[in-house]
Amino acid sequence: MFAVILTGAKQYLVKEGDKIKVEKLETEEGKNHTFDKVLLYSADDKAVEVGTPFLGKKVEAKVLTQGKAKKIVVFKMKAKKNYKRTRGHRQMYTELQITKIS
């Protein structure tokens, strides 16, 4: 059993028991979060339901942690023009464990 959910303008293929990291959600650690934007669902590997755009299914997940990803360095430079810019960015994320697909 698997489903494709939409969150944070990204799509994730999830199964029960999976741990995934998504863009930060405004939910406290230890609480449950429900995704209602399910794009695709399959109870077995043969029959697949595809939404137009969404199905009436729900995916429930437990929030494990809220955190920051590793820092990435953004460096811009234009040759021979004495232009250099360095920026850093750390993306906030929420780690989830999928508990139920219904």
PDB file of N, CA and C in Angstrom:
ATOM      1  N   MET A   1       0.837  -1.158   0.000  1.00  0.00           N
ATOM      2  CA  MET A   1       0.000   0.000   0.000  1.00  0.00           C
ATOM      3  C   MET A   1       0.899   1.243   0.000  1.00  0.00           C
ATOM      4  N   PHE A   2       0.666   2.148  -0.953  1.00  0.00           N
ATOM      5  CA  PHE A   2       1.429   3.385  -0.999  1.00  0.00           C
ATOM      6  C   PHE A   2       0.549   4.502  -1.518  1.00  0.00           C
ATOM      7  N   ALA A   3       1.031   5.731  -1.324  1.00  0.00           N
ATOM      8  CA  ALA A   3       0.300   6.905  -1.773  1.00  0.00           C
ATOM      9  C   ALA A   3       1.304   7.983  -2.147  1.00  0.00           C
ATOM     10  N   VAL A   4       0.873   8.917  -2.977  1.00  0.00           N
ATOM     11  CA  VAL A   4       1.668  10.091  -3.314  1.00  0.00           C
ATOM     12  C   VAL A   4       0.937  11.290  -2.738  1.00  0.00           C
ATOM     13  N   ILE A   5       1.638  12.039  -1.854  1.00  0.00           N
ATOM     14  CA  ILE A   5       1.025  13.204  -1.218  1.00  0.00           C
ATOM     15  C   ILE A   5       1.704  14.473  -1.708  1.00  0.00           C
ATOM     16  N   LEU A   6       1.002  15.583  -1.570  1.00  0.00           N
ATOM     17  CA  LEU A   6       1.512  16.893  -1.971  1.00  0.00           C
ATOM     18  C   LEU A   6       1.633  17.749  -0.724  1.00  0.00           C
ATOM     19  N   THR A   7       2.836  18.243  -0.450  1.00  0.00           N
ATOM     20  CA  THR A   7       3.051  19.168   0.648  1.00  0.00           C
ATOM     21  C   THR A   7       4.261  20.031   0.334  1.00  0.00           C
ATOM     22  N   GLY A   8       4.152  21.311   0.617  1.00  0.00           N
ATOM     23  CA  GLY A   8       5.266  22.222   0.362  1.00  0.00           C
ATOM     24  C   GLY A   8       5.640  22.301  -1.098  1.00  0.00           C
ATOM     25  N   ALA A   9       4.668  22.197  -2.012  1.00  0.00           N
ATOM     26  CA  ALA A   9       4.875  22.240  -3.461  1.00  0.00           C
ATOM     27  C   ALA A   9       5.750  21.096  -3.962  1.00  0.00           C
ATOM     28  N   LYS A  10       5.851  20.023  -3.165  1.00  0.00           N
ATOM     29  CA  LYS A  10       6.611  18.839  -3.565  1.00  0.00           C
ATOM     30  C   LYS A  10       5.735  17.617  -3.379  1.00  0.00           C
ATOM     31  N   GLN A  11       6.041  16.572  -4.124  1.00  0.00           N
ATOM     32  CA  GLN A  11       5.292  15.331  -4.043  1.00  0.00           C
ATOM     33  C   GLN A  11       6.177  14.260  -3.412  1.00  0.00           C
ATOM     34  N   TYR A  12       5.572  13.453  -2.524  1.00  0.00           N
ATOM     35  CA  TYR A  12       6.304  12.410  -1.821  1.00  0.00           C
ATOM     36  C   TYR A  12       5.569  11.090  -1.971  1.00  0.00           C
ATOM     37  N   LEU A  13       6.312  10.038  -2.305  1.00  0.00           N
ATOM     38  CA  LEU A  13       5.780   8.678  -2.348  1.00  0.00           C
ATOM     39  C   LEU A  13       5.969   8.092  -0.954  1.00  0.00           C
ATOM     40  N   VAL A  14       4.864   7.717  -0.293  1.00  0.00           N
ATOM     41  CA  VAL A  14       4.945   7.259   1.096  1.00  0.00           C
ATOM     42  C   VAL A  14       4.272   5.909   1.258  1.00  0.00           C
ATOM     43  N   LYS A  15       4.771   5.138   2.215  1.00  0.00           N
ATOM     44  CA  LYS A  15       4.186   3.871   2.643  1.00  0.00           C
ATOM     45  C   LYS A  15       4.048   3.939   4.158  1.00  0.00           C
ATOM     46  N   GLU A  16       3.234   3.077   4.726  1.00  0.00           N
ATOM     47  CA  GLU A  16       3.095   3.054   6.178  1.00  0.00           C
ATOM     48  C   GLU A  16       4.425   2.665   6.808  1.00  0.00           C
ATOM     49  N   GLY A  17       4.826   3.410   7.827  1.00  0.00           N
ATOM     50  CA  GLY A  17       6.090   3.145   8.510  1.00  0.00           C
ATOM     51  C   GLY A  17       7.260   3.947   7.974  1.00  0.00           C
ATOM     52  N   ASP A  18       7.117   4.629   6.843  1.00  0.00           N
ATOM     53  CA  ASP A  18       8.205   5.423   6.269  1.00  0.00           C
ATOM     54  C   ASP A  18       8.495   6.655   7.124  1.00  0.00           C
ATOM     55  N   LYS A  19       9.762   7.070   7.115  1.00  0.00           N
ATOM     56  CA  LYS A  19      10.160   8.335   7.723  1.00  0.00           C
ATOM     57  C   LYS A  19      10.563   9.263   6.581  1.00  0.00           C
ATOM     58  N   ILE A  20       9.987  10.459   6.562  1.00  0.00           N
ATOM     59  CA  ILE A  20      10.311  11.417   5.511  1.00  0.00           C
ATOM     60  C   ILE A  20      10.587  12.780   6.131  1.00  0.00           C
ATOM     61  N   LYS A  21      11.355  13.598   5.414  1.00  0.00           N
ATOM     62  CA  LYS A  21      11.604  14.982   5.816  1.00  0.00           C
ATOM     63  C   LYS A  21      10.924  15.885   4.793  1.00  0.00           C
ATOM     64  N   VAL A  22      10.054  16.762   5.274  1.00  0.00           N
ATOM     65  CA  VAL A  22       9.334  17.692   4.409  1.00  0.00           C
ATOM     66  C   VAL A  22       9.643  19.108   4.864  1.00  0.00           C
ATOM     67  N   GLU A  23       9.248  20.096   4.058  1.00  0.00           N
ATOM     68  CA  GLU A  23       9.416  21.483   4.467  1.00  0.00           C
ATOM     69  C   GLU A  23       8.642  21.717   5.755  1.00  0.00           C
ATOM     70  N   LYS A  24       9.087  22.683   6.527  1.00  0.00           N
ATOM     71  CA  LYS A  24       8.559  22.901   7.877  1.00  0.00           C
ATOM     72  C   LYS A  24       7.041  23.017   7.907  1.00  0.00           C
ATOM     73  N   LEU A  25       6.432  22.248   8.819  1.00  0.00           N
ATOM     74  CA  LEU A  25       5.001  22.307   9.075  1.00  0.00           C
ATOM     75  C   LEU A  25       4.779  22.921  10.454  1.00  0.00           C
ATOM     76  N   GLU A  26       3.712  23.690  10.600  1.00  0.00           N
ATOM     77  CA  GLU A  26       3.404  24.325  11.877  1.00  0.00           C
ATOM     78  C   GLU A  26       2.662  23.342  12.784  1.00  0.00           C
ATOM     79  N   THR A  27       3.339  22.281  13.186  1.00  0.00           N
ATOM     80  CA  THR A  27       2.791  21.270  14.082  1.00  0.00           C
ATOM     81  C   THR A  27       3.852  20.933  15.121  1.00  0.00           C
ATOM     82  N   GLU A  28       3.437  20.756  16.365  1.00  0.00           N
ATOM     83  CA  GLU A  28       4.385  20.473  17.439  1.00  0.00           C
ATOM     84  C   GLU A  28       4.882  19.029  17.369  1.00  0.00           C
ATOM     85  N   GLU A  29       6.062  18.801  17.961  1.00  0.00           N
ATOM     86  CA  GLU A  29       6.628  17.454  18.011  1.00  0.00           C
ATOM     87  C   GLU A  29       5.728  16.542  18.844  1.00  0.00           C
ATOM     88  N   GLY A  30       5.569  15.312  18.397  1.00  0.00           N
ATOM     89  CA  GLY A  30       4.747  14.344  19.102  1.00  0.00           C
ATOM     90  C   GLY A  30       3.283  14.357  18.689  1.00  0.00           C
ATOM     91  N   LYS A  31       2.849  15.399  17.999  1.00  0.00           N
ATOM     92  CA  LYS A  31       1.451  15.494  17.550  1.00  0.00           C
ATOM     93  C   LYS A  31       1.293  14.777  16.211  1.00  0.00           C
ATOM     94  N   ASN A  32       0.050  14.583  15.798  1.00  0.00           N
ATOM     95  CA  ASN A  32      -0.240  13.975  14.501  1.00  0.00           C
ATOM     96  C   ASN A  32      -0.581  15.052  13.489  1.00  0.00           C
ATOM     97  N   HIS A  33      -0.250  14.772  12.232  1.00  0.00           N
ATOM     98  CA  HIS A  33      -0.560  15.682  11.129  1.00  0.00           C
ATOM     99  C   HIS A  33      -1.264  14.865  10.045  1.00  0.00           C
ATOM    100  N   THR A  34      -2.319  15.433   9.450  1.00  0.00           N
ATOM    101  CA  THR A  34      -3.076  14.736   8.420  1.00  0.00           C
ATOM    102  C   THR A  34      -2.888  15.440   7.085  1.00  0.00           C
ATOM    103  N   PHE A  35      -2.546  14.662   6.068  1.00  0.00           N
ATOM    104  CA  PHE A  35      -2.433  15.179   4.707  1.00  0.00           C
ATOM    105  C   PHE A  35      -3.686  14.771   3.945  1.00  0.00           C
ATOM    106  N   ASP A  36      -4.413  15.744   3.401  1.00  0.00           N
ATOM    107  CA  ASP A  36      -5.610  15.422   2.629  1.00  0.00           C
ATOM    108  C   ASP A  36      -5.388  15.591   1.131  1.00  0.00           C
ATOM    109  N   LYS A  37      -4.237  16.097   0.732  1.00  0.00           N
ATOM    110  CA  LYS A  37      -3.914  16.238  -0.690  1.00  0.00           C
ATOM    111  C   LYS A  37      -3.194  14.984  -1.174  1.00  0.00           C
ATOM    112  N   VAL A  38      -3.971  13.954  -1.442  1.00  0.00           N
ATOM    113  CA  VAL A  38      -3.429  12.682  -1.927  1.00  0.00           C
ATOM    114  C   VAL A  38      -3.653  12.626  -3.429  1.00  0.00           C
ATOM    115  N   LEU A  39      -2.564  12.514  -4.187  1.00  0.00           N
ATOM    116  CA  LEU A  39      -2.622  12.530  -5.645  1.00  0.00           C
ATOM    117  C   LEU A  39      -2.820  11.146  -6.241  1.00  0.00           C
ATOM    118  N   LEU A  40      -2.287  10.113  -5.573  1.00  0.00           N
ATOM    119  CA  LEU A  40      -2.315   8.758  -6.115  1.00  0.00           C
ATOM    120  C   LEU A  40      -2.369   7.783  -4.951  1.00  0.00           C
ATOM    121  N   TYR A  41      -3.086   6.676  -5.129  1.00  0.00           N
ATOM    122  CA  TYR A  41      -3.203   5.677  -4.068  1.00  0.00           C
ATOM    123  C   TYR A  41      -3.231   4.292  -4.694  1.00  0.00           C
ATOM    124  N   SER A  42      -2.580   3.337  -4.023  1.00  0.00           N
ATOM    125  CA  SER A  42      -2.601   1.951  -4.468  1.00  0.00           C
ATOM    126  C   SER A  42      -2.642   1.052  -3.246  1.00  0.00           C
ATOM    127  N   ALA A  43      -3.687   0.210  -3.156  1.00  0.00           N
ATOM    128  CA  ALA A  43      -3.786  -0.747  -2.057  1.00  0.00           C
ATOM    129  C   ALA A  43      -2.907  -1.966  -2.328  1.00  0.00           C
ATOM    130  N   ASP A  44      -2.798  -2.353  -3.604  1.00  0.00           N
ATOM    131  CA  ASP A  44      -1.871  -3.403  -4.012  1.00  0.00           C
ATOM    132  C   ASP A  44      -1.126  -2.871  -5.234  1.00  0.00           C
ATOM    133  N   ASP A  45      -0.158  -3.617  -5.732  1.00  0.00           N
ATOM    134  CA  ASP A  45       0.668  -3.113  -6.823  1.00  0.00           C
ATOM    135  C   ASP A  45      -0.026  -3.169  -8.183  1.00  0.00           C
ATOM    136  N   LYS A  46      -1.228  -3.715  -8.259  1.00  0.00           N
ATOM    137  CA  LYS A  46      -1.907  -3.853  -9.544  1.00  0.00           C
ATOM    138  C   LYS A  46      -2.906  -2.729  -9.802  1.00  0.00           C
ATOM    139  N   ALA A  47      -3.728  -2.400  -8.811  1.00  0.00           N
ATOM    140  CA  ALA A  47      -4.757  -1.366  -8.987  1.00  0.00           C
ATOM    141  C   ALA A  47      -4.254  -0.037  -8.441  1.00  0.00           C
ATOM    142  N   VAL A  48      -4.328   0.996  -9.271  1.00  0.00           N
ATOM    143  CA  VAL A  48      -3.865   2.322  -8.883  1.00  0.00           C
ATOM    144  C   VAL A  48      -4.997   3.312  -9.107  1.00  0.00           C
ATOM    145  N   GLU A  49      -5.272   4.145  -8.091  1.00  0.00           N
ATOM    146  CA  GLU A  49      -6.253   5.219  -8.227  1.00  0.00           C
ATOM    147  C   GLU A  49      -5.512   6.533  -8.396  1.00  0.00           C
ATOM    148  N   VAL A  50      -5.891   7.304  -9.405  1.00  0.00           N
ATOM    149  CA  VAL A  50      -5.264   8.592  -9.669  1.00  0.00           C
ATOM    150  C   VAL A  50      -6.313   9.675  -9.509  1.00  0.00           C
ATOM    151  N   GLY A  51      -5.976  10.721  -8.762  1.00  0.00           N
ATOM    152  CA  GLY A  51      -6.914  11.805  -8.517  1.00  0.00           C
ATOM    153  C   GLY A  51      -6.905  12.841  -9.614  1.00  0.00           C
ATOM    154  N   THR A  52      -7.972  13.616  -9.667  1.00  0.00           N
ATOM    155  CA  THR A  52      -8.066  14.712 -10.642  1.00  0.00           C
ATOM    156  C   THR A  52      -8.469  15.994  -9.935  1.00  0.00           C
ATOM    157  N   PRO A  53      -7.689  16.741  -9.237  1.00  0.00           N
ATOM    158  CA  PRO A  53      -6.290  16.475  -8.913  1.00  0.00           C
ATOM    159  C   PRO A  53      -6.104  15.659  -7.643  1.00  0.00           C
ATOM    160  N   PHE A  54      -7.119  15.627  -6.729  1.00  0.00           N
ATOM    161  CA  PHE A  54      -6.932  14.929  -5.457  1.00  0.00           C
ATOM    162  C   PHE A  54      -7.962  13.825  -5.276  1.00  0.00           C
ATOM    163  N   LEU A  55      -7.606  12.859  -4.441  1.00  0.00           N
ATOM    164  CA  LEU A  55      -8.522  11.789  -4.046  1.00  0.00           C
ATOM    165  C   LEU A  55      -9.131  12.140  -2.698  1.00  0.00           C
ATOM    166  N   GLY A  56     -10.122  11.400  -2.265  1.00  0.00           N
ATOM    167  CA  GLY A  56     -10.736  11.620  -0.967  1.00  0.00           C
ATOM    168  C   GLY A  56     -10.026  10.887   0.159  1.00  0.00           C
ATOM    169  N   LYS A  57      -8.819  10.412  -0.077  1.00  0.00           N
ATOM    170  CA  LYS A  57      -8.053   9.660   0.922  1.00  0.00           C
ATOM    171  C   LYS A  57      -7.324  10.614   1.862  1.00  0.00           C
ATOM    172  N   LYS A  58      -6.863  10.057   2.986  1.00  0.00           N
ATOM    173  CA  LYS A  58      -6.078  10.826   3.939  1.00  0.00           C
ATOM    174  C   LYS A  58      -4.864  10.011   4.367  1.00  0.00           C
ATOM    175  N   VAL A  59      -3.774  10.713   4.633  1.00  0.00           N
ATOM    176  CA  VAL A  59      -2.546  10.094   5.132  1.00  0.00           C
ATOM    177  C   VAL A  59      -2.237  10.742   6.472  1.00  0.00           C
ATOM    178  N   GLU A  60      -2.088   9.915   7.494  1.00  0.00           N
ATOM    179  CA  GLU A  60      -1.785  10.419   8.830  1.00  0.00           C
ATOM    180  C   GLU A  60      -0.322  10.150   9.148  1.00  0.00           C
ATOM    181  N   ALA A  61       0.306  11.134   9.797  1.00  0.00           N
ATOM    182  CA  ALA A  61       1.717  11.022  10.145  1.00  0.00           C
ATOM    183  C   ALA A  61       1.949  11.600  11.533  1.00  0.00           C
ATOM    184  N   LYS A  62       2.962  11.072  12.206  1.00  0.00           N
ATOM    185  CA  LYS A  62       3.352  11.570  13.517  1.00  0.00           C
ATOM    186  C   LYS A  62       4.597  12.429  13.343  1.00  0.00           C
ATOM    187  N   VAL A  63       4.607  13.608  13.973  1.00  0.00           N
ATOM    188  CA  VAL A  63       5.750  14.516  13.877  1.00  0.00           C
ATOM    189  C   VAL A  63       6.827  14.045  14.839  1.00  0.00           C
ATOM    190  N   LEU A  64       7.998  13.703  14.296  1.00  0.00           N
ATOM    191  CA  LEU A  64       9.103  13.234  15.125  1.00  0.00           C
ATOM    192  C   LEU A  64       9.968  14.395  15.594  1.00  0.00           C
ATOM    193  N   THR A  65      10.459  15.205  14.664  1.00  0.00           N
ATOM    194  CA  THR A  65      11.334  16.328  15.032  1.00  0.00           C
ATOM    195  C   THR A  65      11.094  17.510  14.109  1.00  0.00           C
ATOM    196  N   GLN A  66      11.455  18.677  14.607  1.00  0.00           N
ATOM    197  CA  GLN A  66      11.543  19.894  13.808  1.00  0.00           C
ATOM    198  C   GLN A  66      13.025  20.274  13.829  1.00  0.00           C
ATOM    199  N   GLY A  67      13.602  20.630  12.701  1.00  0.00           N
ATOM    200  CA  GLY A  67      15.020  20.947  12.710  1.00  0.00           C
ATOM    201  C   GLY A  67      15.445  21.757  11.513  1.00  0.00           C
ATOM    202  N   LYS A  68      16.774  21.904  11.403  1.00  0.00           N
ATOM    203  CA  LYS A  68      17.371  22.622  10.285  1.00  0.00           C
ATOM    204  C   LYS A  68      18.288  21.666   9.532  1.00  0.00           C
ATOM    205  N   ALA A  69      18.258  21.753   8.216  1.00  0.00           N
ATOM    206  CA  ALA A  69      19.128  20.926   7.384  1.00  0.00           C
ATOM    207  C   ALA A  69      20.545  21.497   7.410  1.00  0.00           C
ATOM    208  N   LYS A  70      21.465  20.810   6.761  1.00  0.00           N
ATOM    209  CA  LYS A  70      22.836  21.300   6.687  1.00  0.00           C
ATOM    210  C   LYS A  70      22.887  22.609   5.908  1.00  0.00           C
ATOM    211  N   LYS A  71      23.872  23.419   6.214  1.00  0.00           N
ATOM    212  CA  LYS A  71      24.019  24.704   5.543  1.00  0.00           C
ATOM    213  C   LYS A  71      24.544  24.494   4.125  1.00  0.00           C
ATOM    214  N   ILE A  72      23.946  25.223   3.195  1.00  0.00           N
ATOM    215  CA  ILE A  72      24.475  25.231   1.831  1.00  0.00           C
ATOM    216  C   ILE A  72      25.045  26.621   1.572  1.00  0.00           C
ATOM    217  N   VAL A  73      26.055  26.692   0.728  1.00  0.00           N
ATOM    218  CA  VAL A  73      26.699  27.958   0.401  1.00  0.00           C
ATOM    219  C   VAL A  73      26.292  28.348  -1.007  1.00  0.00           C
ATOM    220  N   VAL A  74      25.783  29.564  -1.139  1.00  0.00           N
ATOM    221  CA  VAL A  74      25.408  30.107  -2.445  1.00  0.00           C
ATOM    222  C   VAL A  74      26.460  31.136  -2.803  1.00  0.00           C
ATOM    223  N   PHE A  75      27.198  30.896  -3.882  1.00  0.00           N
ATOM    224  CA  PHE A  75      28.298  31.782  -4.284  1.00  0.00           C
ATOM    225  C   PHE A  75      28.053  32.275  -5.695  1.00  0.00           C
ATOM    226  N   LYS A  76      28.064  33.601  -5.859  1.00  0.00           N
ATOM    227  CA  LYS A  76      27.906  34.209  -7.182  1.00  0.00           C
ATOM    228  C   LYS A  76      29.191  34.953  -7.516  1.00  0.00           C
ATOM    229  N   MET A  77      29.558  34.906  -8.801  1.00  0.00           N
ATOM    230  CA  MET A  77      30.751  35.623  -9.226  1.00  0.00           C
ATOM    231  C   MET A  77      30.647  35.974 -10.702  1.00  0.00           C
ATOM    232  N   LYS A  78      31.083  37.166 -11.043  1.00  0.00           N
ATOM    233  CA  LYS A  78      31.190  37.553 -12.449  1.00  0.00           C
ATOM    234  C   LYS A  78      32.661  37.802 -12.738  1.00  0.00           C
ATOM    235  N   ALA A  79      33.167  37.070 -13.694  1.00  0.00           N
ATOM    236  CA  ALA A  79      34.593  37.138 -14.003  1.00  0.00           C
ATOM    237  C   ALA A  79      34.985  38.534 -14.488  1.00  0.00           C
ATOM    238  N   LYS A  80      36.108  39.012 -14.035  1.00  0.00           N
ATOM    239  CA  LYS A  80      36.738  40.272 -14.458  1.00  0.00           C
ATOM    240  C   LYS A  80      35.921  41.510 -14.107  1.00  0.00           C
ATOM    241  N   LYS A  81      34.943  41.398 -13.256  1.00  0.00           N
ATOM    242  CA  LYS A  81      34.101  42.547 -12.892  1.00  0.00           C
ATOM    243  C   LYS A  81      34.157  42.872 -11.405  1.00  0.00           C
ATOM    244  N   ASN A  82      35.017  42.169 -10.652  1.00  0.00           N
ATOM    245  CA  ASN A  82      35.172  42.389  -9.213  1.00  0.00           C
ATOM    246  C   ASN A  82      33.831  42.250  -8.480  1.00  0.00           C
ATOM    247  N   TYR A  83      33.057  41.204  -8.840  1.00  0.00           N
ATOM    248  CA  TYR A  83      31.764  40.946  -8.209  1.00  0.00           C
ATOM    249  C   TYR A  83      31.767  39.549  -7.616  1.00  0.00           C
ATOM    250  N   LYS A  84      31.652  39.488  -6.301  1.00  0.00           N
ATOM    251  CA  LYS A  84      31.561  38.204  -5.613  1.00  0.00           C
ATOM    252  C   LYS A  84      30.564  38.356  -4.470  1.00  0.00           C
ATOM    253  N   ARG A  85      29.670  37.384  -4.327  1.00  0.00           N
ATOM    254  CA  ARG A  85      28.706  37.380  -3.234  1.00  0.00           C
ATOM    255  C   ARG A  85      28.624  35.968  -2.662  1.00  0.00           C
ATOM    256  N   THR A  86      28.695  35.858  -1.358  1.00  0.00           N
ATOM    257  CA  THR A  86      28.575  34.574  -0.694  1.00  0.00           C
ATOM    258  C   THR A  86      27.420  34.654   0.303  1.00  0.00           C
ATOM    259  N   ARG A  87      26.522  33.715   0.225  1.00  0.00           N
ATOM    260  CA  ARG A  87      25.392  33.623   1.147  1.00  0.00           C
ATOM    261  C   ARG A  87      25.292  32.196   1.641  1.00  0.00           C
ATOM    262  N   GLY A  88      24.729  32.018   2.814  1.00  0.00           N
ATOM    263  CA  GLY A  88      24.470  30.694   3.355  1.00  0.00           C
ATOM    264  C   GLY A  88      22.977  30.535   3.597  1.00  0.00           C
ATOM    265  N   HIS A  89      22.504  29.289   3.593  1.00  0.00           N
ATOM    266  CA  HIS A  89      21.086  29.029   3.822  1.00  0.00           C
ATOM    267  C   HIS A  89      20.931  27.692   4.523  1.00  0.00           C
ATOM    268  N   ARG A  90      20.061  27.664   5.543  1.00  0.00           N
ATOM    269  CA  ARG A  90      19.692  26.411   6.216  1.00  0.00           C
ATOM    270  C   ARG A  90      18.186  26.277   6.154  1.00  0.00           C
ATOM    271  N   GLN A  91      17.726  25.242   5.464  1.00  0.00           N
ATOM    272  CA  GLN A  91      16.291  25.023   5.286  1.00  0.00           C
ATOM    273  C   GLN A  91      15.705  24.360   6.529  1.00  0.00           C
ATOM    274  N   MET A  92      14.575  24.880   6.988  1.00  0.00           N
ATOM    275  CA  MET A  92      13.855  24.273   8.109  1.00  0.00           C
ATOM    276  C   MET A  92      13.099  23.051   7.586  1.00  0.00           C
ATOM    277  N   TYR A  93      13.044  21.986   8.394  1.00  0.00           N
ATOM    278  CA  TYR A  93      12.334  20.778   7.970  1.00  0.00           C
ATOM    279  C   TYR A  93      11.564  20.179   9.140  1.00  0.00           C
ATOM    280  N   THR A  94      10.638  19.301   8.795  1.00  0.00           N
ATOM    281  CA  THR A  94       9.886  18.518   9.765  1.00  0.00           C
ATOM    282  C   THR A  94      10.052  17.054   9.395  1.00  0.00           C
ATOM    283  N   GLU A  95      10.471  16.232  10.355  1.00  0.00           N
ATOM    284  CA  GLU A  95      10.612  14.800  10.105  1.00  0.00           C
ATOM    285  C   GLU A  95       9.334  14.107  10.566  1.00  0.00           C
ATOM    286  N   LEU A  96       8.765  13.292   9.677  1.00  0.00           N
ATOM    287  CA  LEU A  96       7.492  12.626   9.927  1.00  0.00           C
ATOM    288  C   LEU A  96       7.641  11.123   9.819  1.00  0.00           C
ATOM    289  N   GLN A  97       6.790  10.404  10.548  1.00  0.00           N
ATOM    290  CA  GLN A  97       6.669   8.967  10.356  1.00  0.00           C
ATOM    291  C   GLN A  97       5.227   8.691   9.950  1.00  0.00           C
ATOM    292  N   ILE A  98       5.053   8.044   8.797  1.00  0.00           N
ATOM    293  CA  ILE A  98       3.722   7.772   8.271  1.00  0.00           C
ATOM    294  C   ILE A  98       3.109   6.649   9.111  1.00  0.00           C
ATOM    295  N   THR A  99       1.924   6.910   9.672  1.00  0.00           N
ATOM    296  CA  THR A  99       1.293   5.923  10.534  1.00  0.00           C
ATOM    297  C   THR A  99       0.126   5.208   9.857  1.00  0.00           C
ATOM    298  N   LYS A 100      -0.632   5.924   9.004  1.00  0.00           N
ATOM    299  CA  LYS A 100      -1.837   5.315   8.456  1.00  0.00           C
ATOM    300  C   LYS A 100      -2.203   5.961   7.130  1.00  0.00           C
ATOM    301  N   ILE A 101      -2.596   5.126   6.169  1.00  0.00           N
ATOM    302  CA  ILE A 101      -3.132   5.601   4.895  1.00  0.00           C
ATOM    303  C   ILE A 101      -4.556   5.088   4.816  1.00  0.00           C
ATOM    304  N   SER A 102      -5.535   5.999   4.721  1.00  0.00           N
ATOM    305  CA  SER A 102      -6.933   5.563   4.714  1.00  0.00           C
ATOM    306  C   SER A 102      -7.721   6.289   3.631  1.00  0.00           C
TER     307      SER A 102
END
